[in-house]
Amino acid sequence: MVTERSERLIIDDVFVVDADVHAHEQPDQMVAHTDPPWRDAVANAAKVPHRYLSIPGWSTSPPYFLPGAGLPTARGKAREEIVWNAAQMRRELDALRIDVGVIFPDHFLKIAALPNPDYAAALARAYHRWIDELWVSEENDLYGVVMAVPQDPADAAREIARYARHPRFAGVYLPTCQTYPLWGHRQYWPIYEAAQEADLPVMLHSVSGSSWAFPFNTEQMSGIAVHTTSHVFAMMANLMSFMENAIPLRFPKLRICFCEAGLTWVPFLRMRLDKEYNESRRSWPYYHDRPSEYIKRMWFATQPVEEPANPRDLVDLIRIYDGEDTTVFASDWPHHDFDHPRVVFDLPVANEVKRKLMGLNALRLMPKVRVPAKYQPAADGRPLSAAAPTDTR
């Protein structure tokens, strides 16, 4: 990752894929997409006055769970942190110089906390129809993800198969907030079988949460501490669950991506697991190499990217976890902690690495993503990516 000075690259010259943006799913828009008998439930949720990420029976945000989880915050809002429709999303991503956006939900980041599995599965099916009808198209370069509800893995697997050939569903979303058991458990294996068969990556997405059990036992915290720990705890716990249950061996072609926990936890966990494995490898007799050799095949989205005083420190950490080819840019637009593309683009790395981090790696992670025609000729005259599908519009 040596800094290249021979060519001054600007962000307008680089193909930018944002692996994590958020659409604001609204109950009134999903009523028609919801299967009976749950249509009435969604219609009832639509009658509740709008609360951002907090609608009883629809979104399980505090204060509906733990005492103290809804403590007031001093953080003010300079803007509305909601994208209401696809046209708004396209305008705002254009302003950020983002070419392609991969959409995750807002409310349903916490769908795993809903207790009724049939209702959760019905909401997921309605969400997919809503995204398909109103958000994704060839004209706007937006993509959706299939939401795999942990409450009903069989239905999740059917939904993955249903959208496997859809050109605008680029991945499978695994919610991590209050998901029990963790994602390595055998009950989820049909989801991985379906995703591997469909050549879709599974993408774990963090969100702040609280419960009385690890990794979300943050009810004694608020603000900075909750946001810092809950995202990272969830990613670490689920990655170890994958390793514990030999998911990289059971599903060798499955691409696994961790979203919204930053990057600096990755080298720590790799090194620590290697240390423990070297001392107790009989506990994981099914592996033939150190855990780090399997983790380096996994993928990591940048947001919320760490911004050390010396940017080279972050570059070194990416090098340490062998992340040059497996790190993808994500902004988390429009949430309060979103990252502008320049935060990653301005890292002191070679132009070739900038192109990988900003877009080319995402093409390998999500093969369905199409490259806009203007990016087909790269700066050196060669195709942007030999493996990348071409958008001829």
Protein backbone atom coordinates (compact mmCIF):
# COMPACT_ATOMS: atom_id res chain seq x y z
CA MET A 1 0.00 0.00 0.00
CA VAL A 2 2.60 2.53 -1.10
CA THR A 3 1.48 6.05 -1.81
CA GLU A 4 1.45 6.78 -5.54
CA ARG A 5 2.32 10.33 -6.60
CA SER A 6 2.68 10.04 -10.37
CA GLU A 7 -1.01 10.58 -11.08
CA ARG A 8 -3.36 12.86 -9.21
CA LEU A 9 -6.59 10.96 -8.84
CA ILE A 10 -9.79 12.76 -7.94
CA ILE A 11 -12.93 11.14 -6.61
CA ASP A 12 -14.92 11.98 -9.74
CA ASP A 13 -12.58 9.66 -11.67
CA VAL A 14 -13.26 6.70 -9.39
CA PHE A 15 -16.15 4.24 -9.47
CA VAL A 16 -17.73 4.41 -5.98
CA VAL A 17 -19.94 1.65 -4.60
CA ASP A 18 -21.57 2.35 -1.25
CA ALA A 19 -22.15 -1.01 0.44
CA ASP A 20 -24.52 0.41 3.06
CA VAL A 21 -27.20 3.06 2.63
CA HIS A 22 -30.62 3.07 4.31
CA ALA A 23 -34.17 3.34 3.01
CA HIS A 24 -36.86 4.31 5.50
CA GLU A 25 -39.50 1.61 5.34
CA GLN A 26 -42.96 2.95 6.08
CA PRO A 27 -45.86 0.76 7.23
CA ASP A 28 -48.48 2.57 5.17
CA GLN A 29 -46.53 1.82 1.98
CA MET A 30 -46.19 -1.85 2.86
CA VAL A 31 -49.78 -2.67 3.71
CA ALA A 32 -50.58 -3.74 0.14
CA HIS A 33 -47.38 -5.82 -0.01
CA THR A 34 -48.11 -7.77 3.18
CA ASP A 35 -49.69 -11.22 3.12
CA PRO A 36 -52.89 -11.89 5.08
CA PRO A 37 -53.45 -12.26 7.98
CA TRP A 38 -50.63 -9.87 8.84
CA ARG A 39 -51.89 -7.10 6.57
CA ASP A 40 -54.15 -5.83 9.34
CA ALA A 41 -51.21 -5.73 11.75
CA VAL A 42 -49.21 -3.54 9.38
CA ALA A 43 -52.24 -1.33 8.80
CA ASN A 44 -52.52 -0.88 12.56
CA ALA A 45 -48.82 0.03 12.80
CA ALA A 46 -49.39 2.65 10.10
CA LYS A 47 -51.88 4.41 12.37
CA VAL A 48 -49.28 5.05 15.07
CA PRO A 49 -47.80 8.58 14.97
CA HIS A 50 -44.43 8.43 13.29
CA ARG A 51 -41.45 7.98 15.58
CA TYR A 52 -38.04 7.62 14.01
CA LEU A 53 -37.03 3.96 14.32
CA SER A 54 -39.53 3.58 17.15
CA ILE A 55 -43.02 2.39 16.23
CA PRO A 56 -44.59 -0.22 18.54
CA GLY A 57 -45.23 -3.46 16.70
CA TRP A 58 -43.07 -2.30 13.82
CA SER A 59 -39.70 -1.19 15.15
CA THR A 60 -38.33 -2.35 18.48
CA SER A 61 -36.18 0.59 19.48
CA PRO A 62 -36.00 1.86 23.08
CA PRO A 63 -37.75 2.67 25.33
CA TYR A 64 -39.74 -0.48 24.63
CA PHE A 65 -37.10 -2.85 25.95
CA LEU A 66 -34.75 -2.08 28.82
CA PRO A 67 -34.98 0.51 31.59
CA GLY A 68 -32.47 3.23 30.88
CA ALA A 69 -32.09 2.28 27.23
CA GLY A 70 -33.91 5.45 26.18
CA LEU A 71 -31.80 7.91 28.14
CA PRO A 72 -31.79 11.38 26.58
CA THR A 73 -28.84 12.40 24.46
CA ALA A 74 -27.32 15.82 23.96
CA ARG A 75 -26.67 15.10 20.29
CA GLY A 76 -28.55 17.53 18.12
CA LYS A 77 -29.59 16.92 14.53
CA ALA A 78 -28.46 19.30 11.83
CA ARG A 79 -30.63 17.53 9.23
CA GLU A 80 -33.31 14.91 8.85
CA GLU A 81 -31.66 11.49 8.94
CA ILE A 82 -34.21 9.85 6.66
CA VAL A 83 -34.37 8.98 2.97
CA TRP A 84 -38.02 8.67 2.02
CA ASN A 85 -37.84 7.52 -1.61
CA ALA A 86 -35.55 6.37 -4.39
CA ALA A 87 -35.41 9.74 -6.16
CA GLN A 88 -34.20 11.43 -2.98
CA MET A 89 -31.62 8.67 -2.46
CA ARG A 90 -30.28 9.10 -5.97
CA ARG A 91 -30.00 12.89 -5.61
CA GLU A 92 -28.21 12.67 -2.29
CA LEU A 93 -25.79 9.95 -3.40
CA ASP A 94 -24.98 12.00 -6.50
CA ALA A 95 -24.11 14.94 -4.26
CA LEU A 96 -21.73 12.66 -2.34
CA ARG A 97 -20.15 11.36 -5.58
CA ILE A 98 -21.49 7.84 -4.94
CA ASP A 99 -22.34 5.89 -8.08
CA VAL A 100 -23.99 2.75 -6.67
CA GLY A 101 -25.89 2.30 -3.41
CA VAL A 102 -26.75 -0.98 -1.69
CA ILE A 103 -29.87 -0.46 0.42
CA PHE A 104 -30.43 -1.79 3.92
CA PRO A 105 -33.55 -1.04 6.00
CA ASP A 106 -33.98 1.44 8.85
CA HIS A 107 -36.62 0.09 11.24
CA PHE A 108 -35.85 -3.52 10.38
CA LEU A 109 -32.27 -3.30 11.58
CA LYS A 110 -33.87 -4.61 14.79
CA ILE A 111 -36.32 -7.04 13.24
CA ALA A 112 -34.66 -9.94 15.09
CA ALA A 113 -36.19 -8.64 18.33
CA LEU A 114 -39.77 -9.24 17.17
CA PRO A 115 -41.03 -12.29 19.09
CA ASN A 116 -43.46 -13.71 16.52
CA PRO A 117 -41.59 -15.59 13.75
CA ASP A 118 -44.56 -15.62 11.35
CA TYR A 119 -44.97 -11.86 11.66
CA ALA A 120 -41.22 -11.24 11.18
CA ALA A 121 -41.19 -13.41 8.04
CA ALA A 122 -44.27 -11.63 6.68
CA LEU A 123 -42.60 -8.26 7.19
CA ALA A 124 -39.49 -9.47 5.37
CA ARG A 125 -41.53 -10.62 2.38
CA ALA A 126 -43.38 -7.31 2.29
CA TYR A 127 -40.11 -5.41 2.55
CA HIS A 128 -38.66 -7.23 -0.46
CA ARG A 129 -41.72 -6.42 -2.58
CA TRP A 130 -41.58 -2.79 -1.47
CA ILE A 131 -37.89 -2.45 -2.33
CA ASP A 132 -38.43 -4.17 -5.67
CA GLU A 133 -41.37 -1.97 -6.67
CA LEU A 134 -40.30 1.45 -5.39
CA TRP A 135 -36.53 1.58 -4.94
CA VAL A 136 -34.32 -0.45 -7.26
CA SER A 137 -33.99 -0.11 -11.02
CA GLU A 138 -31.44 -0.02 -13.82
CA GLU A 139 -31.90 3.73 -14.09
CA ASN A 140 -30.92 4.64 -10.53
CA ASP A 141 -28.04 2.22 -9.79
CA LEU A 142 -29.62 1.21 -6.49
CA TYR A 143 -29.66 -2.37 -5.20
CA GLY A 144 -31.48 -4.16 -2.43
CA VAL A 145 -30.66 -7.04 -0.10
CA VAL A 146 -32.77 -10.03 0.87
CA MET A 147 -33.56 -9.79 4.58
CA ALA A 148 -33.00 -13.15 6.30
CA VAL A 149 -35.07 -13.16 9.48
CA PRO A 150 -33.45 -15.44 12.07
CA GLN A 151 -36.86 -16.27 13.55
CA ASP A 152 -37.76 -18.33 10.45
CA PRO A 153 -34.67 -19.61 8.58
CA ALA A 154 -36.73 -21.80 6.26
CA ASP A 155 -38.77 -18.84 5.02
CA ALA A 156 -35.57 -16.78 4.72
CA ALA A 157 -34.04 -19.48 2.52
CA ARG A 158 -37.14 -19.49 0.32
CA GLU A 159 -36.92 -15.72 -0.08
CA ILE A 160 -33.24 -15.97 -1.07
CA ALA A 161 -34.15 -18.54 -3.73
CA ARG A 162 -37.05 -16.34 -4.89
CA TYR A 163 -34.77 -13.35 -5.50
CA ALA A 164 -31.67 -15.29 -6.57
CA ARG A 165 -32.08 -14.30 -10.21
CA HIS A 166 -33.35 -10.80 -9.57
CA PRO A 167 -30.74 -8.43 -11.03
CA ARG A 168 -31.20 -5.81 -8.31
CA PHE A 169 -30.89 -7.91 -5.14
CA ALA A 170 -27.16 -8.03 -4.54
CA GLY A 171 -26.81 -9.68 -1.13
CA VAL A 172 -28.45 -11.26 1.92
CA TYR A 173 -28.85 -9.13 5.04
CA LEU A 174 -28.29 -10.85 8.40
CA PRO A 175 -29.57 -8.65 11.27
CA THR A 176 -27.32 -8.89 14.33
CA CYS A 177 -29.13 -6.85 16.97
CA GLN A 178 -30.60 -9.22 19.57
CA THR A 179 -30.26 -12.26 17.31
CA TYR A 180 -30.25 -15.45 19.36
CA PRO A 181 -28.60 -17.84 18.81
CA LEU A 182 -25.65 -16.28 17.03
CA TRP A 183 -25.40 -16.70 13.27
CA GLY A 184 -23.08 -19.72 13.33
CA HIS A 185 -25.83 -21.95 14.76
CA ARG A 186 -26.95 -24.91 12.66
CA GLN A 187 -30.53 -23.62 12.46
CA TYR A 188 -29.30 -20.96 10.02
CA TRP A 189 -27.47 -23.32 7.69
CA PRO A 190 -30.36 -23.44 5.16
CA ILE A 191 -29.85 -19.68 4.75
CA TYR A 192 -26.18 -20.20 3.89
CA GLU A 193 -26.95 -23.05 1.54
CA ALA A 194 -29.41 -20.84 -0.32
CA ALA A 195 -27.05 -17.85 -0.39
CA GLN A 196 -24.14 -19.95 -1.61
CA GLU A 197 -26.30 -21.51 -4.31
CA ALA A 198 -27.48 -18.04 -5.40
CA ASP A 199 -23.91 -16.64 -5.34
CA LEU A 200 -25.07 -13.89 -2.97
CA PRO A 201 -22.92 -12.67 -0.08
CA VAL A 202 -24.34 -12.69 3.43
CA MET A 203 -23.90 -9.25 4.98
CA LEU A 204 -24.14 -8.88 8.74
CA HIS A 205 -25.21 -5.39 9.78
CA SER A 206 -24.76 -3.94 13.27
CA VAL A 207 -26.95 -1.48 15.11
CA SER A 208 -26.89 -0.25 18.69
CA GLY A 209 -28.98 -2.34 21.03
CA SER A 210 -29.42 -3.40 24.63
CA SER A 211 -30.30 -6.63 26.38
CA TRP A 212 -29.20 -8.51 29.46
CA ALA A 213 -26.97 -10.86 27.47
CA PHE A 214 -23.70 -10.51 25.57
CA PRO A 215 -23.08 -8.98 23.06
CA PHE A 216 -25.73 -6.36 23.87
CA ASN A 217 -25.56 -6.13 27.66
CA THR A 218 -25.03 -2.40 27.43
CA GLU A 219 -28.01 -1.37 29.54
CA GLN A 220 -25.62 0.24 32.03
CA MET A 221 -24.27 2.54 29.34
CA SER A 222 -25.53 5.35 27.16
CA GLY A 223 -24.40 7.44 24.23
CA ILE A 224 -20.77 6.98 23.22
CA ALA A 225 -20.23 3.73 25.10
CA VAL A 226 -23.27 1.97 23.66
CA HIS A 227 -22.54 3.04 20.11
CA THR A 228 -18.87 2.09 20.43
CA THR A 229 -19.35 -1.33 21.94
CA SER A 230 -22.60 -2.82 20.69
CA HIS A 231 -21.67 -2.65 17.00
CA VAL A 232 -18.25 -4.20 17.50
CA PHE A 233 -19.40 -6.75 20.09
CA ALA A 234 -22.03 -8.05 17.66
CA MET A 235 -19.54 -8.46 14.82
CA MET A 236 -16.93 -10.15 16.99
CA ALA A 237 -19.44 -12.52 18.58
CA ASN A 238 -20.90 -13.59 15.25
CA LEU A 239 -17.53 -13.99 13.56
CA MET A 240 -16.42 -16.26 16.41
CA SER A 241 -19.72 -18.13 16.10
CA PHE A 242 -18.98 -18.71 12.42
CA MET A 243 -15.54 -20.02 13.30
CA GLU A 244 -16.81 -22.12 16.22
CA ASN A 245 -19.29 -23.86 13.92
CA ALA A 246 -16.90 -24.23 10.98
CA ILE A 247 -19.01 -22.14 8.60
CA PRO A 248 -15.98 -21.37 6.36
CA LEU A 249 -15.53 -25.13 5.86
CA ARG A 250 -19.19 -26.09 5.55
CA PHE A 251 -19.85 -23.34 3.00
CA PRO A 252 -16.50 -22.74 1.27
CA LYS A 253 -17.94 -20.55 -1.49
CA LEU A 254 -20.01 -18.36 0.83
CA ARG A 255 -18.86 -14.73 0.97
CA ILE A 256 -19.34 -13.17 4.41
CA CYS A 257 -19.27 -9.40 4.93
CA PHE A 258 -19.39 -7.46 8.22
CA CYS A 259 -21.02 -4.02 8.00
CA GLU A 260 -21.11 -1.04 10.35
CA ALA A 261 -18.49 -1.88 12.94
CA GLY A 262 -15.46 -0.14 11.46
CA LEU A 263 -12.19 -1.94 10.82
CA THR A 264 -9.85 -1.75 13.79
CA TRP A 265 -11.40 -4.74 15.62
CA VAL A 266 -10.47 -7.08 12.76
CA PRO A 267 -6.67 -7.33 13.30
CA PHE A 268 -7.20 -7.69 17.05
CA LEU A 269 -9.61 -10.61 16.69
CA ARG A 270 -7.48 -12.33 14.05
CA MET A 271 -4.39 -12.17 16.24
CA ARG A 272 -6.23 -13.20 19.39
CA LEU A 273 -7.93 -16.19 17.77
CA ASP A 274 -4.61 -17.33 16.32
CA LYS A 275 -3.10 -17.17 19.80
CA GLU A 276 -5.94 -19.19 21.34
CA TYR A 277 -5.94 -21.69 18.47
CA ASN A 278 -2.22 -22.32 18.77
CA GLU A 279 -2.69 -23.13 22.45
CA SER A 280 -5.95 -25.12 22.19
CA ARG A 281 -6.25 -26.26 18.61
CA ARG A 282 -7.87 -29.56 19.58
CA SER A 283 -10.97 -27.53 20.45
CA TRP A 284 -11.34 -26.79 16.73
CA PRO A 285 -10.00 -30.02 15.20
CA TYR A 286 -11.74 -29.41 11.89
CA TYR A 287 -9.41 -26.56 10.87
CA HIS A 288 -6.13 -27.21 9.09
CA ASP A 289 -4.75 -23.69 9.45
CA ARG A 290 -4.87 -20.71 11.78
CA PRO A 291 -8.17 -18.83 12.10
CA SER A 292 -6.62 -15.77 10.46
CA GLU A 293 -6.25 -17.71 7.21
CA TYR A 294 -10.03 -18.16 7.08
CA ILE A 295 -10.89 -14.68 8.34
CA LYS A 296 -8.81 -13.07 5.62
CA ARG A 297 -11.29 -14.50 3.12
CA MET A 298 -14.09 -12.54 4.79
CA TRP A 299 -15.10 -8.99 3.87
CA PHE A 300 -15.34 -5.81 5.91
CA ALA A 301 -17.20 -2.55 5.22
CA THR A 302 -15.49 0.65 6.33
CA GLN A 303 -18.26 2.49 8.17
CA PRO A 304 -17.92 3.92 10.77
CA VAL A 305 -14.36 4.23 9.60
CA GLU A 306 -11.81 5.13 12.25
CA GLU A 307 -10.02 8.43 11.70
CA PRO A 308 -6.70 8.35 13.59
CA ALA A 309 -4.56 11.47 13.82
CA ASN A 310 -2.11 9.73 11.50
CA PRO A 311 -4.10 8.18 8.61
CA ARG A 312 -1.25 5.78 7.94
CA ASP A 313 -2.16 4.00 11.16
CA LEU A 314 -5.43 2.87 9.59
CA VAL A 315 -3.64 1.91 6.39
CA ASP A 316 -1.27 -0.24 8.46
CA LEU A 317 -4.18 -1.96 10.18
CA ILE A 318 -5.80 -2.77 6.82
CA ARG A 319 -2.47 -4.25 5.74
CA ILE A 320 -2.24 -6.29 8.95
CA TYR A 321 -5.57 -8.01 8.32
CA ASP A 322 -4.79 -8.45 4.59
CA GLY A 323 -7.70 -6.20 3.74
CA GLU A 324 -6.59 -4.53 0.51
CA ASP A 325 -8.81 -6.85 -1.55
CA THR A 326 -11.60 -7.49 0.99
CA THR A 327 -12.43 -4.02 2.34
CA VAL A 328 -15.38 -2.16 0.80
CA PHE A 329 -16.48 1.43 1.22
CA ALA A 330 -19.72 2.12 3.06
CA SER A 331 -21.19 5.46 4.12
CA ASP A 332 -24.27 4.52 6.22
CA TRP A 333 -26.13 7.41 4.57
CA PRO A 334 -28.27 9.13 5.86
CA HIS A 335 -27.59 8.30 9.51
CA HIS A 336 -25.92 10.73 11.87
CA ASP A 337 -22.53 8.97 11.79
CA PHE A 338 -22.33 8.55 8.02
CA ASP A 339 -18.90 8.73 6.36
CA HIS A 340 -18.26 10.89 3.32
CA PRO A 341 -16.46 8.91 0.57
CA ARG A 342 -13.48 11.25 0.89
CA VAL A 343 -12.69 9.87 4.34
CA VAL A 344 -11.68 6.59 2.71
CA PHE A 345 -10.65 7.99 -0.65
CA ASP A 346 -8.10 10.32 0.98
CA LEU A 347 -6.23 7.54 2.76
CA PRO A 348 -2.52 7.57 1.81
CA VAL A 349 -2.57 4.55 -0.49
CA ALA A 350 -1.74 3.93 -4.14
CA ASN A 351 -4.33 4.86 -6.74
CA GLU A 352 -4.87 1.18 -7.51
CA VAL A 353 -5.78 0.56 -3.87
CA LYS A 354 -8.10 3.58 -3.82
CA ARG A 355 -10.01 2.09 -6.74
CA LYS A 356 -10.27 -1.24 -4.94
CA LEU A 357 -11.53 0.22 -1.67
CA MET A 358 -14.00 2.59 -3.31
CA GLY A 359 -15.58 0.20 -5.81
CA LEU A 360 -13.65 -2.64 -7.38
CA ASN A 361 -13.67 -4.83 -4.28
CA ALA A 362 -17.45 -4.42 -4.09
CA LEU A 363 -17.76 -5.87 -7.60
CA ARG A 364 -16.14 -9.07 -6.38
CA LEU A 365 -18.22 -9.15 -3.22
CA MET A 366 -21.49 -8.50 -5.09
CA PRO A 367 -21.23 -9.76 -8.69
CA LYS A 368 -24.69 -8.44 -9.55
CA VAL A 369 -23.54 -4.83 -9.30
CA ARG A 370 -23.30 -3.30 -12.76
CA VAL A 371 -20.64 -0.81 -13.75
CA PRO A 372 -21.96 2.41 -15.33
CA ALA A 373 -20.76 2.83 -18.90
CA LYS A 374 -18.69 5.94 -18.13
CA TYR A 375 -16.36 3.84 -15.97
CA GLN A 376 -15.75 1.04 -18.41
CA PRO A 377 -12.47 2.50 -19.74
CA ALA A 378 -10.13 2.84 -16.76
CA ALA A 379 -7.42 5.48 -16.59
CA ASP A 380 -4.86 3.07 -18.05
CA GLY A 381 -7.07 2.20 -21.00
CA ARG A 382 -8.02 -1.27 -19.75
CA PRO A 383 -11.50 -2.38 -18.65
CA LEU A 384 -12.43 -1.38 -15.12
CA SER A 385 -12.72 -5.01 -14.11
CA ALA A 386 -12.42 -8.03 -16.32
CA ALA A 387 -14.95 -9.83 -14.15
CA ALA A 388 -17.36 -6.93 -13.83
CA PRO A 389 -20.67 -7.03 -15.74
CA THR A 390 -21.20 -4.20 -18.14
CA ASP A 391 -23.96 -1.64 -18.04
CA THR A 392 -24.47 -0.49 -21.64
CA ARG A 393 -27.01 2.22 -21.02
